[in-house]
Amino acid sequence: EWVKADAMAGGEPVREALSGCDAVISCLGAFGSNEFMHKVNGTANAQLAEMAADAGVGRFVFISASAIRPVARAMTAAGYEGYYSGKLVAEDAVARHFGSAGMVLRPGPIYGTRAESPSISIPIGAVGVPLTTLFETKPIRSLASALPLNLGDLLMPWVSVEDVADAAVSHALRRLPARRVATAAAAAAAAALRPRRPRRRPRRSCSPTTTGLRTPTPKRR
């Protein structure tokens, strides 16, 4: 069941969307002004985690990002630290409100097909697949390890959007991923956090939604 709400607005519409959900997968993230990135990447995600916990949602997944350190330094120097620091605020909120029932995924650059409109799509995988194949080779991994100043981060393998989705949904549905998260770097960056409260018994079935996973209500006969 699709559940739609404006997470940036918060308030009653979001509480109504969260009501009855078993799990939430948050992909909220954006570039823009420093203030905007703090608000979207940090505050909005943190508020969503808090409201989800208050609504009795059992599990929470936040799609964060693996820091590419040379890029992070350059952004901070230019006054745009809000992209990464906002995500850290969100990660802390997931840990605080969900413990081991929360998961933070920190993939590297993600590739897939981006739908800009019903008629226009950008096949980012056309770049991501060959780059990842190259970046995962032994010579490139050795070069990345040898480069100073964390410049090897720029050779980080990319991650398939399908693999990130698999990992997120697997946690939401209380099952192990059917395949690897995409790269060793992404898998190592996936953080399962300590528990705050006991797990609830799993419900019979769930279907993915934009806000969370909601169990269909049985019809009366």
N, C-alpha and C. Protein backbone atom coordinates (compact mmCIF):
# COMPACT_ATOMS: atom_id res chain seq x y z
N GLU A 1 0.85 -1.19 0.00
CA GLU A 1 0.00 0.00 0.00
C GLU A 1 0.88 1.24 0.00
N TRP A 2 0.63 2.17 -0.93
CA TRP A 2 1.38 3.42 -0.96
C TRP A 2 0.84 4.37 0.09
N VAL A 3 1.73 4.94 0.88
CA VAL A 3 1.36 5.91 1.90
C VAL A 3 2.15 7.18 1.64
N LYS A 4 1.46 8.28 1.42
CA LYS A 4 2.13 9.52 1.05
C LYS A 4 1.96 10.58 2.14
N ALA A 5 3.05 11.26 2.47
CA ALA A 5 3.00 12.36 3.43
C ALA A 5 4.24 13.22 3.23
N ASP A 6 4.17 14.47 3.66
CA ASP A 6 5.29 15.39 3.53
C ASP A 6 6.12 15.33 4.81
N ALA A 7 7.23 14.60 4.76
CA ALA A 7 8.06 14.44 5.95
C ALA A 7 8.68 15.77 6.38
N MET A 8 8.83 16.70 5.45
CA MET A 8 9.39 17.99 5.80
C MET A 8 8.42 18.81 6.65
N ALA A 9 7.14 18.62 6.40
CA ALA A 9 6.13 19.38 7.13
C ALA A 9 5.91 18.83 8.53
N GLY A 10 6.03 17.50 8.66
CA GLY A 10 5.81 16.87 9.96
C GLY A 10 4.36 16.99 10.39
N GLY A 11 4.12 16.89 11.68
CA GLY A 11 2.78 17.09 12.21
C GLY A 11 1.84 15.93 11.96
N GLU A 12 0.55 16.23 12.03
CA GLU A 12 -0.49 15.21 11.99
C GLU A 12 -0.51 14.39 10.70
N PRO A 13 -0.31 14.98 9.52
CA PRO A 13 -0.31 14.15 8.30
C PRO A 13 0.73 13.03 8.34
N VAL A 14 1.91 13.32 8.89
CA VAL A 14 2.94 12.29 8.98
C VAL A 14 2.56 11.25 10.03
N ARG A 15 2.00 11.70 11.15
CA ARG A 15 1.56 10.75 12.18
C ARG A 15 0.50 9.80 11.63
N GLU A 16 -0.41 10.34 10.83
CA GLU A 16 -1.44 9.50 10.23
C GLU A 16 -0.83 8.50 9.25
N ALA A 17 0.17 8.95 8.48
CA ALA A 17 0.82 8.06 7.52
C ALA A 17 1.57 6.94 8.24
N LEU A 18 2.14 7.24 9.40
CA LEU A 18 2.91 6.26 10.14
C LEU A 18 2.04 5.28 10.92
N SER A 19 0.81 5.66 11.17
CA SER A 19 -0.08 4.82 11.98
C SER A 19 -0.29 3.46 11.31
N GLY A 20 0.00 2.40 12.04
CA GLY A 20 -0.19 1.05 11.51
C GLY A 20 0.96 0.52 10.70
N CYS A 21 2.01 1.31 10.50
CA CYS A 21 3.17 0.84 9.72
C CYS A 21 4.06 -0.06 10.57
N ASP A 22 4.58 -1.09 9.97
CA ASP A 22 5.52 -1.99 10.64
C ASP A 22 6.95 -1.48 10.56
N ALA A 23 7.27 -0.77 9.48
CA ALA A 23 8.65 -0.31 9.28
C ALA A 23 8.66 0.93 8.41
N VAL A 24 9.73 1.69 8.56
CA VAL A 24 9.94 2.90 7.75
C VAL A 24 11.31 2.80 7.09
N ILE A 25 11.36 3.12 5.81
CA ILE A 25 12.63 3.25 5.09
C ILE A 25 12.73 4.69 4.62
N SER A 26 13.70 5.42 5.16
CA SER A 26 13.86 6.83 4.80
C SER A 26 15.00 7.00 3.81
N CYS A 27 14.67 7.59 2.66
CA CYS A 27 15.68 7.94 1.65
C CYS A 27 15.83 9.45 1.54
N LEU A 28 15.36 10.17 2.56
CA LEU A 28 15.42 11.63 2.52
C LEU A 28 16.87 12.11 2.45
N GLY A 29 17.17 12.95 1.49
CA GLY A 29 18.49 13.51 1.36
C GLY A 29 18.49 14.51 0.21
N ALA A 30 19.33 15.52 0.30
CA ALA A 30 19.31 16.55 -0.74
C ALA A 30 20.59 17.37 -0.71
N PHE A 31 20.89 18.01 -1.84
CA PHE A 31 21.93 19.04 -1.94
C PHE A 31 21.23 20.38 -2.05
N GLY A 32 21.93 21.42 -1.64
CA GLY A 32 21.37 22.76 -1.72
C GLY A 32 22.17 23.68 -0.82
N SER A 33 21.51 24.67 -0.28
CA SER A 33 22.20 25.56 0.66
C SER A 33 22.54 24.77 1.92
N ASN A 34 23.49 25.29 2.69
CA ASN A 34 23.90 24.58 3.90
C ASN A 34 22.72 24.43 4.86
N GLU A 35 21.93 25.48 5.00
CA GLU A 35 20.76 25.41 5.89
C GLU A 35 19.77 24.36 5.40
N PHE A 36 19.56 24.31 4.08
CA PHE A 36 18.61 23.36 3.51
C PHE A 36 19.08 21.92 3.74
N MET A 37 20.39 21.67 3.58
CA MET A 37 20.91 20.32 3.77
C MET A 37 20.82 19.89 5.22
N HIS A 38 21.08 20.80 6.15
CA HIS A 38 20.89 20.48 7.57
C HIS A 38 19.43 20.11 7.84
N LYS A 39 18.52 20.85 7.23
CA LYS A 39 17.09 20.62 7.48
C LYS A 39 16.61 19.30 6.91
N VAL A 40 16.99 19.01 5.66
CA VAL A 40 16.51 17.79 5.01
C VAL A 40 17.26 16.57 5.50
N ASN A 41 18.59 16.60 5.40
CA ASN A 41 19.39 15.43 5.74
C ASN A 41 19.39 15.14 7.23
N GLY A 42 19.29 16.18 8.03
CA GLY A 42 19.35 16.00 9.47
C GLY A 42 18.02 16.10 10.18
N THR A 43 17.49 17.31 10.29
CA THR A 43 16.30 17.55 11.11
C THR A 43 15.10 16.73 10.67
N ALA A 44 14.81 16.72 9.37
CA ALA A 44 13.62 16.01 8.90
C ALA A 44 13.72 14.51 9.17
N ASN A 45 14.88 13.93 8.93
CA ASN A 45 15.06 12.50 9.20
C ASN A 45 14.99 12.19 10.69
N ALA A 46 15.60 13.05 11.50
CA ALA A 46 15.57 12.84 12.95
C ALA A 46 14.15 12.92 13.48
N GLN A 47 13.37 13.89 13.00
CA GLN A 47 11.98 14.01 13.43
C GLN A 47 11.16 12.81 12.97
N LEU A 48 11.44 12.32 11.76
CA LEU A 48 10.72 11.16 11.25
C LEU A 48 11.00 9.93 12.11
N ALA A 49 12.26 9.74 12.51
CA ALA A 49 12.61 8.61 13.37
C ALA A 49 11.90 8.71 14.72
N GLU A 50 11.87 9.91 15.28
CA GLU A 50 11.20 10.10 16.57
C GLU A 50 9.69 9.84 16.46
N MET A 51 9.07 10.37 15.41
CA MET A 51 7.64 10.19 15.23
C MET A 51 7.30 8.73 14.94
N ALA A 52 8.17 8.05 14.20
CA ALA A 52 7.94 6.64 13.91
C ALA A 52 7.99 5.81 15.20
N ALA A 53 8.96 6.10 16.05
CA ALA A 53 9.06 5.38 17.33
C ALA A 53 7.83 5.65 18.19
N ASP A 54 7.39 6.92 18.24
CA ASP A 54 6.21 7.26 19.03
C ASP A 54 4.95 6.58 18.49
N ALA A 55 4.93 6.32 17.16
CA ALA A 55 3.76 5.68 16.55
C ALA A 55 3.79 4.16 16.69
N GLY A 56 4.86 3.63 17.31
CA GLY A 56 4.94 2.19 17.50
C GLY A 56 5.49 1.42 16.32
N VAL A 57 6.13 2.12 15.37
CA VAL A 57 6.75 1.44 14.23
C VAL A 57 7.88 0.55 14.76
N GLY A 58 7.95 -0.68 14.26
CA GLY A 58 8.89 -1.65 14.82
C GLY A 58 10.31 -1.52 14.32
N ARG A 59 10.50 -1.11 13.05
CA ARG A 59 11.84 -1.09 12.48
C ARG A 59 12.02 0.15 11.60
N PHE A 60 13.27 0.62 11.52
CA PHE A 60 13.55 1.85 10.78
C PHE A 60 14.86 1.67 10.03
N VAL A 61 14.86 2.05 8.75
CA VAL A 61 16.07 2.02 7.93
C VAL A 61 16.32 3.42 7.39
N PHE A 62 17.54 3.89 7.54
CA PHE A 62 17.92 5.20 7.00
C PHE A 62 19.03 4.99 5.98
N ILE A 63 18.80 5.48 4.75
CA ILE A 63 19.81 5.42 3.71
C ILE A 63 20.69 6.66 3.85
N SER A 64 21.85 6.49 4.45
CA SER A 64 22.80 7.59 4.65
C SER A 64 23.79 7.59 3.48
N ALA A 65 25.03 7.90 3.72
CA ALA A 65 26.03 7.91 2.65
C ALA A 65 27.41 7.71 3.25
N SER A 66 28.24 6.97 2.54
CA SER A 66 29.63 6.82 2.95
C SER A 66 30.37 8.10 2.60
N ALA A 67 31.07 8.66 3.57
CA ALA A 67 31.76 9.93 3.34
C ALA A 67 32.94 9.74 2.39
N ILE A 68 32.95 10.49 1.31
CA ILE A 68 34.12 10.57 0.43
C ILE A 68 34.95 11.72 0.98
N ARG A 69 35.96 11.39 1.75
CA ARG A 69 36.61 12.39 2.61
C ARG A 69 37.21 13.60 1.89
N PRO A 70 37.85 13.44 0.74
CA PRO A 70 38.31 14.67 0.06
C PRO A 70 37.15 15.58 -0.34
N VAL A 71 36.04 14.98 -0.75
CA VAL A 71 34.86 15.77 -1.09
C VAL A 71 34.28 16.43 0.15
N ALA A 72 34.22 15.67 1.26
CA ALA A 72 33.68 16.22 2.51
C ALA A 72 34.53 17.40 2.99
N ARG A 73 35.86 17.29 2.87
CA ARG A 73 36.73 18.40 3.28
C ARG A 73 36.49 19.63 2.42
N ALA A 74 36.36 19.42 1.11
CA ALA A 74 36.14 20.54 0.21
C ALA A 74 34.79 21.21 0.49
N MET A 75 33.76 20.40 0.75
CA MET A 75 32.44 20.95 1.05
C MET A 75 32.47 21.74 2.35
N THR A 76 33.17 21.22 3.36
CA THR A 76 33.27 21.93 4.64
C THR A 76 34.01 23.25 4.46
N ALA A 77 35.09 23.23 3.70
CA ALA A 77 35.86 24.46 3.46
C ALA A 77 35.03 25.51 2.73
N ALA A 78 34.09 25.04 1.90
CA ALA A 78 33.24 25.97 1.15
C ALA A 78 31.98 26.35 1.92
N GLY A 79 31.84 25.83 3.14
CA GLY A 79 30.68 26.17 3.96
C GLY A 79 29.46 25.31 3.70
N TYR A 80 29.69 24.08 3.20
CA TYR A 80 28.57 23.18 2.90
C TYR A 80 28.72 21.87 3.67
N GLU A 81 29.06 21.97 4.95
CA GLU A 81 29.22 20.76 5.74
C GLU A 81 27.89 20.10 6.09
N GLY A 82 26.78 20.80 5.81
CA GLY A 82 25.47 20.31 6.20
C GLY A 82 25.07 18.99 5.56
N TYR A 83 25.65 18.67 4.39
CA TYR A 83 25.27 17.41 3.73
C TYR A 83 25.62 16.22 4.61
N TYR A 84 26.89 16.15 5.05
CA TYR A 84 27.32 15.01 5.85
C TYR A 84 26.95 15.16 7.33
N SER A 85 27.10 16.35 7.88
CA SER A 85 26.79 16.52 9.30
C SER A 85 25.31 16.33 9.56
N GLY A 86 24.47 16.71 8.59
CA GLY A 86 23.04 16.47 8.74
C GLY A 86 22.74 14.98 8.81
N LYS A 87 23.40 14.20 7.98
CA LYS A 87 23.19 12.75 7.98
C LYS A 87 23.62 12.14 9.31
N LEU A 88 24.68 12.67 9.92
CA LEU A 88 25.11 12.16 11.22
C LEU A 88 24.07 12.42 12.29
N VAL A 89 23.40 13.56 12.21
CA VAL A 89 22.30 13.86 13.14
C VAL A 89 21.20 12.82 12.99
N ALA A 90 20.87 12.50 11.73
CA ALA A 90 19.83 11.50 11.47
C ALA A 90 20.25 10.13 11.97
N GLU A 91 21.50 9.74 11.74
CA GLU A 91 21.98 8.43 12.19
C GLU A 91 21.88 8.32 13.71
N ASP A 92 22.24 9.39 14.40
CA ASP A 92 22.15 9.38 15.87
C ASP A 92 20.70 9.21 16.33
N ALA A 93 19.77 9.84 15.63
CA ALA A 93 18.36 9.72 16.00
C ALA A 93 17.85 8.29 15.80
N VAL A 94 18.28 7.64 14.72
CA VAL A 94 17.88 6.25 14.48
C VAL A 94 18.40 5.36 15.60
N ALA A 95 19.66 5.56 15.98
CA ALA A 95 20.25 4.77 17.06
C ALA A 95 19.51 5.00 18.37
N ARG A 96 19.19 6.25 18.64
CA ARG A 96 18.55 6.59 19.91
C ARG A 96 17.14 6.05 20.02
N HIS A 97 16.39 6.09 18.93
CA HIS A 97 14.98 5.72 18.99
C HIS A 97 14.71 4.26 18.65
N PHE A 98 15.63 3.60 17.92
CA PHE A 98 15.33 2.24 17.46
C PHE A 98 16.36 1.18 17.86
N GLY A 99 17.55 1.56 18.30
CA GLY A 99 18.51 0.55 18.68
C GLY A 99 18.77 -0.43 17.56
N SER A 100 18.80 -1.75 17.87
CA SER A 100 19.09 -2.75 16.85
C SER A 100 17.94 -2.94 15.87
N ALA A 101 16.77 -2.38 16.20
CA ALA A 101 15.65 -2.42 15.25
C ALA A 101 15.82 -1.34 14.18
N GLY A 102 16.85 -0.52 14.34
CA GLY A 102 17.17 0.49 13.32
C GLY A 102 18.41 0.08 12.56
N MET A 103 18.48 0.47 11.31
CA MET A 103 19.67 0.19 10.50
C MET A 103 20.03 1.44 9.70
N VAL A 104 21.33 1.73 9.68
CA VAL A 104 21.86 2.82 8.86
C VAL A 104 22.71 2.19 7.77
N LEU A 105 22.38 2.48 6.52
CA LEU A 105 23.18 2.01 5.39
C LEU A 105 23.99 3.19 4.85
N ARG A 106 25.29 2.97 4.66
CA ARG A 106 26.16 4.05 4.17
C ARG A 106 26.82 3.60 2.86
N PRO A 107 26.06 3.53 1.79
CA PRO A 107 26.66 3.12 0.51
C PRO A 107 27.52 4.24 -0.07
N GLY A 108 28.35 3.86 -1.02
CA GLY A 108 29.08 4.84 -1.79
C GLY A 108 28.16 5.43 -2.85
N PRO A 109 28.70 6.01 -3.91
CA PRO A 109 27.84 6.54 -4.98
C PRO A 109 26.91 5.45 -5.51
N ILE A 110 25.65 5.81 -5.70
CA ILE A 110 24.63 4.83 -6.11
C ILE A 110 24.31 5.02 -7.59
N TYR A 111 24.21 3.92 -8.31
CA TYR A 111 23.83 3.99 -9.71
C TYR A 111 22.55 3.20 -9.96
N GLY A 112 21.83 3.62 -10.95
CA GLY A 112 20.58 2.99 -11.37
C GLY A 112 20.04 3.80 -12.53
N THR A 113 18.75 3.71 -12.77
CA THR A 113 18.11 4.53 -13.80
C THR A 113 17.27 5.59 -13.12
N ARG A 114 17.60 6.85 -13.34
CA ARG A 114 16.88 7.96 -12.70
C ARG A 114 15.77 8.43 -13.62
N ALA A 115 14.55 8.38 -13.12
CA ALA A 115 13.40 8.84 -13.90
C ALA A 115 13.19 10.33 -13.63
N GLU A 116 13.52 11.16 -14.61
CA GLU A 116 13.33 12.60 -14.47
C GLU A 116 11.88 12.99 -14.76
N SER A 117 11.22 12.22 -15.60
CA SER A 117 9.82 12.44 -15.94
C SER A 117 9.30 11.13 -16.53
N PRO A 118 7.98 11.03 -16.78
CA PRO A 118 7.46 9.79 -17.38
C PRO A 118 8.11 9.43 -18.71
N SER A 119 8.67 10.41 -19.40
CA SER A 119 9.26 10.14 -20.72
C SER A 119 10.79 10.28 -20.77
N ILE A 120 11.40 10.74 -19.67
CA ILE A 120 12.84 10.97 -19.67
C ILE A 120 13.49 10.21 -18.51
N SER A 121 14.45 9.36 -18.83
CA SER A 121 15.20 8.61 -17.82
C SER A 121 16.69 8.77 -18.10
N ILE A 122 17.48 8.79 -17.02
CA ILE A 122 18.93 8.90 -17.15
C ILE A 122 19.55 7.59 -16.68
N PRO A 123 20.18 6.83 -17.59
CA PRO A 123 20.76 5.53 -17.21
C PRO A 123 22.13 5.69 -16.55
N ILE A 124 22.12 6.05 -15.26
CA ILE A 124 23.38 6.27 -14.55
C ILE A 124 24.21 4.99 -14.49
N GLY A 125 23.50 3.84 -14.58
CA GLY A 125 24.21 2.57 -14.57
C GLY A 125 25.18 2.42 -15.73
N ALA A 126 24.94 3.15 -16.82
CA ALA A 126 25.84 3.08 -17.97
C ALA A 126 27.23 3.58 -17.60
N VAL A 127 27.30 4.43 -16.57
CA VAL A 127 28.59 4.90 -16.06
C VAL A 127 28.98 4.08 -14.83
N GLY A 128 28.00 3.83 -13.95
CA GLY A 128 28.29 3.17 -12.68
C GLY A 128 28.80 1.75 -12.81
N VAL A 129 28.23 0.97 -13.73
CA VAL A 129 28.64 -0.43 -13.86
C VAL A 129 30.09 -0.57 -14.31
N PRO A 130 30.51 0.08 -15.41
CA PRO A 130 31.92 -0.06 -15.81
C PRO A 130 32.89 0.55 -14.79
N LEU A 131 32.50 1.66 -14.15
CA LEU A 131 33.38 2.25 -13.14
C LEU A 131 33.57 1.31 -11.97
N THR A 132 32.47 0.70 -11.52
CA THR A 132 32.57 -0.23 -10.39
C THR A 132 33.41 -1.44 -10.75
N THR A 133 33.22 -1.96 -11.96
CA THR A 133 34.03 -3.09 -12.41
C THR A 133 35.52 -2.73 -12.37
N LEU A 134 35.83 -1.53 -12.79
CA LEU A 134 37.22 -1.06 -12.78
C LEU A 134 37.72 -0.84 -11.35
N PHE A 135 36.91 -0.14 -10.54
CA PHE A 135 37.34 0.23 -9.19
C PHE A 135 37.50 -0.99 -8.27
N GLU A 136 36.83 -2.10 -8.59
CA GLU A 136 36.93 -3.29 -7.74
C GLU A 136 38.12 -4.18 -8.11
N THR A 137 38.86 -3.84 -9.15
CA THR A 137 40.02 -4.65 -9.54
C THR A 137 41.14 -4.49 -8.51
N LYS A 138 41.96 -5.49 -8.40
CA LYS A 138 43.03 -5.49 -7.40
C LYS A 138 44.00 -4.33 -7.58
N PRO A 139 44.45 -3.99 -8.81
CA PRO A 139 45.38 -2.86 -8.95
C PRO A 139 44.78 -1.53 -8.47
N ILE A 140 43.50 -1.31 -8.76
CA ILE A 140 42.87 -0.05 -8.34
C ILE A 140 42.66 -0.03 -6.84
N ARG A 141 42.31 -1.18 -6.23
CA ARG A 141 42.16 -1.21 -4.77
C ARG A 141 43.52 -0.96 -4.11
N SER A 142 44.58 -1.50 -4.68
CA SER A 142 45.92 -1.27 -4.12
C SER A 142 46.30 0.20 -4.25
N LEU A 143 45.98 0.79 -5.40
CA LEU A 143 46.26 2.21 -5.60
C LEU A 143 45.48 3.06 -4.62
N ALA A 144 44.21 2.74 -4.43
CA ALA A 144 43.37 3.50 -3.51
C ALA A 144 43.92 3.46 -2.09
N SER A 145 44.45 2.29 -1.69
CA SER A 145 45.01 2.15 -0.35
C SER A 145 46.30 2.94 -0.18
N ALA A 146 47.02 3.12 -1.29
CA ALA A 146 48.33 3.77 -1.21
C ALA A 146 48.25 5.29 -1.32
N LEU A 147 47.17 5.82 -1.84
CA LEU A 147 47.07 7.27 -2.04
C LEU A 147 47.00 8.00 -0.71
N PRO A 148 47.68 9.14 -0.58
CA PRO A 148 47.65 9.91 0.67
C PRO A 148 46.38 10.75 0.79
N LEU A 149 46.19 11.30 1.99
CA LEU A 149 45.12 12.26 2.24
C LEU A 149 43.72 11.70 1.92
N ASN A 150 43.58 10.38 2.05
CA ASN A 150 42.29 9.72 1.80
C ASN A 150 41.80 9.89 0.37
N LEU A 151 42.71 10.19 -0.56
CA LEU A 151 42.31 10.36 -1.95
C LEU A 151 41.79 9.07 -2.56
N GLY A 152 42.11 7.94 -1.94
CA GLY A 152 41.60 6.67 -2.42
C GLY A 152 40.09 6.57 -2.35
N ASP A 153 39.47 7.41 -1.50
CA ASP A 153 38.00 7.43 -1.44
C ASP A 153 37.38 7.77 -2.79
N LEU A 154 38.12 8.52 -3.61
CA LEU A 154 37.60 8.90 -4.91
C LEU A 154 37.49 7.70 -5.85
N LEU A 155 38.15 6.59 -5.48
CA LEU A 155 38.08 5.36 -6.26
C LEU A 155 37.15 4.34 -5.59
N MET A 156 36.27 4.81 -4.74
CA MET A 156 35.31 3.94 -4.07
C MET A 156 34.36 3.31 -5.08
N PRO A 157 34.17 1.97 -5.05
CA PRO A 157 33.22 1.35 -5.97
C PRO A 157 31.81 1.89 -5.78
N TRP A 158 31.10 2.01 -6.86
CA TRP A 158 29.72 2.47 -6.80
C TRP A 158 28.82 1.31 -6.36
N VAL A 159 27.56 1.64 -6.05
CA VAL A 159 26.63 0.65 -5.51
C VAL A 159 25.33 0.67 -6.31
N SER A 160 24.84 -0.50 -6.66
CA SER A 160 23.57 -0.60 -7.38
C SER A 160 22.41 -0.22 -6.49
N VAL A 161 21.48 0.56 -7.00
CA VAL A 161 20.31 0.95 -6.23
C VAL A 161 19.49 -0.28 -5.84
N GLU A 162 19.50 -1.32 -6.68
CA GLU A 162 18.76 -2.54 -6.35
C GLU A 162 19.37 -3.23 -5.13
N ASP A 163 20.69 -3.22 -5.01
CA ASP A 163 21.34 -3.85 -3.86
C ASP A 163 21.06 -3.07 -2.57
N VAL A 164 21.07 -1.74 -2.66
CA VAL A 164 20.74 -0.93 -1.49
C VAL A 164 19.29 -1.19 -1.07
N ALA A 165 18.39 -1.25 -2.04
CA ALA A 165 16.98 -1.52 -1.74
C ALA A 165 16.81 -2.90 -1.12
N ASP A 166 17.53 -3.90 -1.64
CA ASP A 166 17.46 -5.25 -1.07
C ASP A 166 17.84 -5.24 0.40
N ALA A 167 18.94 -4.56 0.73
CA ALA A 167 19.40 -4.52 2.11
C ALA A 167 18.39 -3.83 3.01
N ALA A 168 17.83 -2.71 2.54
CA ALA A 168 16.87 -1.95 3.34
C ALA A 168 15.59 -2.75 3.58
N VAL A 169 15.05 -3.33 2.53
CA VAL A 169 13.79 -4.08 2.67
C VAL A 169 14.02 -5.35 3.48
N SER A 170 15.18 -5.97 3.33
CA SER A 170 15.47 -7.18 4.11
C SER A 170 15.44 -6.88 5.60
N HIS A 171 16.02 -5.76 6.01
CA HIS A 171 15.97 -5.40 7.43
C HIS A 171 14.54 -5.07 7.86
N ALA A 172 13.83 -4.36 7.02
CA ALA A 172 12.45 -3.99 7.37
C ALA A 172 11.57 -5.21 7.54
N LEU A 173 11.83 -6.26 6.74
CA LEU A 173 11.01 -7.47 6.79
C LEU A 173 11.60 -8.53 7.70
N ARG A 174 12.64 -8.16 8.49
CA ARG A 174 13.25 -9.09 9.44
C ARG A 174 13.82 -10.33 8.77
N ARG A 175 14.46 -10.16 7.62
CA ARG A 175 15.13 -11.29 6.99
C ARG A 175 16.52 -10.85 6.53
N LEU A 176 17.41 -11.78 6.37
CA LEU A 176 18.76 -11.46 5.92
C LEU A 176 18.74 -11.09 4.45
N PRO A 177 19.67 -10.23 4.01
CA PRO A 177 19.70 -9.88 2.59
C PRO A 177 19.86 -11.10 1.71
N ALA A 178 19.15 -11.10 0.58
CA ALA A 178 19.23 -12.21 -0.36
C ALA A 178 20.56 -12.22 -1.10
N ARG A 179 21.21 -11.06 -1.16
CA ARG A 179 22.52 -10.97 -1.81
C ARG A 179 23.32 -9.87 -1.14
N ARG A 180 24.55 -9.75 -1.48
CA ARG A 180 25.41 -8.77 -0.81
C ARG A 180 24.92 -7.35 -1.07
N VAL A 181 25.28 -6.45 -0.20
CA VAL A 181 24.77 -5.09 -0.28
C VAL A 181 25.30 -4.36 -1.51
N ALA A 182 26.31 -4.85 -2.15
CA ALA A 182 26.80 -4.35 -3.43
C ALA A 182 28.30 -4.37 -3.46
N THR A 183 28.92 -3.83 -2.43
CA THR A 183 30.38 -3.86 -2.37
C THR A 183 30.78 -4.09 -0.94
N ALA A 184 32.01 -4.53 -0.75
CA ALA A 184 32.48 -4.75 0.62
C ALA A 184 32.45 -3.45 1.41
N ALA A 185 32.73 -2.34 0.73
CA ALA A 185 32.73 -1.04 1.42
C ALA A 185 31.33 -0.71 1.93
N ALA A 186 30.31 -0.94 1.11
CA ALA A 186 28.94 -0.64 1.53
C ALA A 186 28.49 -1.57 2.63
N ALA A 187 28.86 -2.85 2.52
CA ALA A 187 28.44 -3.82 3.53
C ALA A 187 29.10 -3.51 4.87
N ALA A 188 30.38 -3.13 4.83
CA ALA A 188 31.07 -2.82 6.07
C ALA A 188 30.52 -1.57 6.72
N ALA A 189 29.96 -0.67 5.90
CA ALA A 189 29.45 0.60 6.43
C ALA A 189 28.03 0.47 6.95
N ALA A 190 27.35 -0.64 6.68
CA ALA A 190 25.99 -0.83 7.18
C ALA A 190 26.05 -1.06 8.68
N ALA A 191 25.37 -0.22 9.44
CA ALA A 191 25.46 -0.29 10.90
C ALA A 191 24.17 -0.79 11.51
N ALA A 192 24.23 -1.89 12.24
CA ALA A 192 23.09 -2.34 13.02
C ALA A 192 23.32 -1.84 14.44
N LEU A 193 22.35 -1.14 15.01
CA LEU A 193 22.55 -0.39 16.24
C LEU A 193 21.92 -1.09 17.44
N ARG A 194 22.37 -0.75 18.63
CA ARG A 194 21.95 -1.48 19.83
C ARG A 194 20.48 -1.25 20.17
N PRO A 195 19.84 -2.24 20.82
CA PRO A 195 18.40 -2.16 21.05
C PRO A 195 18.01 -1.16 22.14
N ARG A 196 16.87 -0.56 21.95
CA ARG A 196 16.29 0.29 22.98
C ARG A 196 15.09 -0.37 23.63
N ARG A 197 14.42 -1.28 22.90
CA ARG A 197 13.23 -1.92 23.42
C ARG A 197 13.10 -3.29 22.77
N PRO A 198 12.29 -4.19 23.34
CA PRO A 198 12.14 -5.53 22.76
C PRO A 198 11.50 -5.47 21.39
N ARG A 199 11.82 -6.48 20.57
CA ARG A 199 11.20 -6.57 19.26
C ARG A 199 9.74 -6.99 19.41
N ARG A 200 8.91 -6.46 18.55
CA ARG A 200 7.53 -6.90 18.50
C ARG A 200 7.43 -8.16 17.66
N ARG A 201 6.39 -8.95 17.91
CA ARG A 201 6.17 -10.12 17.07
C ARG A 201 5.88 -9.69 15.64
N PRO A 202 6.49 -10.36 14.64
CA PRO A 202 6.22 -9.97 13.25
C PRO A 202 4.79 -10.20 12.87
N ARG A 203 4.25 -9.28 12.08
CA ARG A 203 2.90 -9.44 11.59
C ARG A 203 2.89 -10.38 10.39
N ARG A 204 1.71 -10.73 9.93
CA ARG A 204 1.60 -11.79 8.94
C ARG A 204 2.27 -11.46 7.62
N SER A 205 2.05 -10.27 7.10
CA SER A 205 2.63 -9.91 5.81
C SER A 205 2.74 -8.41 5.71
N CYS A 206 3.67 -7.95 4.91
CA CYS A 206 3.89 -6.51 4.75
C CYS A 206 4.12 -6.20 3.28
N SER A 207 3.79 -5.00 2.90
CA SER A 207 4.09 -4.56 1.55
C SER A 207 4.78 -3.21 1.63
N PRO A 208 5.79 -2.97 0.77
CA PRO A 208 6.54 -1.72 0.87
C PRO A 208 5.69 -0.51 0.49
N THR A 209 5.91 0.59 1.22
CA THR A 209 5.22 1.84 0.93
C THR A 209 6.24 2.97 0.93
N THR A 210 5.81 4.14 0.52
CA THR A 210 6.72 5.28 0.50
C THR A 210 7.12 5.70 1.90
N THR A 211 6.24 5.54 2.87
CA THR A 211 6.54 5.95 4.23
C THR A 211 6.97 4.77 5.08
N GLY A 212 6.38 3.62 4.86
CA GLY A 212 6.74 2.48 5.69
C GLY A 212 6.18 1.21 5.12
N LEU A 213 6.11 0.18 5.95
CA LEU A 213 5.55 -1.09 5.55
C LEU A 213 4.30 -1.32 6.36
N ARG A 214 3.21 -1.45 5.69
CA ARG A 214 1.93 -1.55 6.39
C ARG A 214 1.30 -2.91 6.10
N THR A 215 0.83 -3.56 7.15
CA THR A 215 0.17 -4.84 7.01
C THR A 215 -1.27 -4.64 6.58
N PRO A 216 -1.71 -5.31 5.51
CA PRO A 216 -3.11 -5.18 5.10
C PRO A 216 -4.05 -5.66 6.20
N THR A 217 -5.15 -4.97 6.38
CA THR A 217 -6.15 -5.37 7.35
C THR A 217 -7.06 -6.44 6.76
N PRO A 218 -7.22 -7.61 7.43
CA PRO A 218 -8.07 -8.67 6.88
C PRO A 218 -9.52 -8.20 6.73
N LYS A 219 -10.14 -8.60 5.65
CA LYS A 219 -11.53 -8.24 5.44
C LYS A 219 -12.44 -9.17 6.24
N ARG A 220 -13.48 -8.62 6.77
CA ARG A 220 -14.45 -9.44 7.49
C ARG A 220 -15.39 -10.11 6.50
N ARG A 221 -15.72 -11.33 6.81
CA ARG A 221 -16.66 -12.05 5.94
C ARG A 221 -18.06 -12.06 6.57
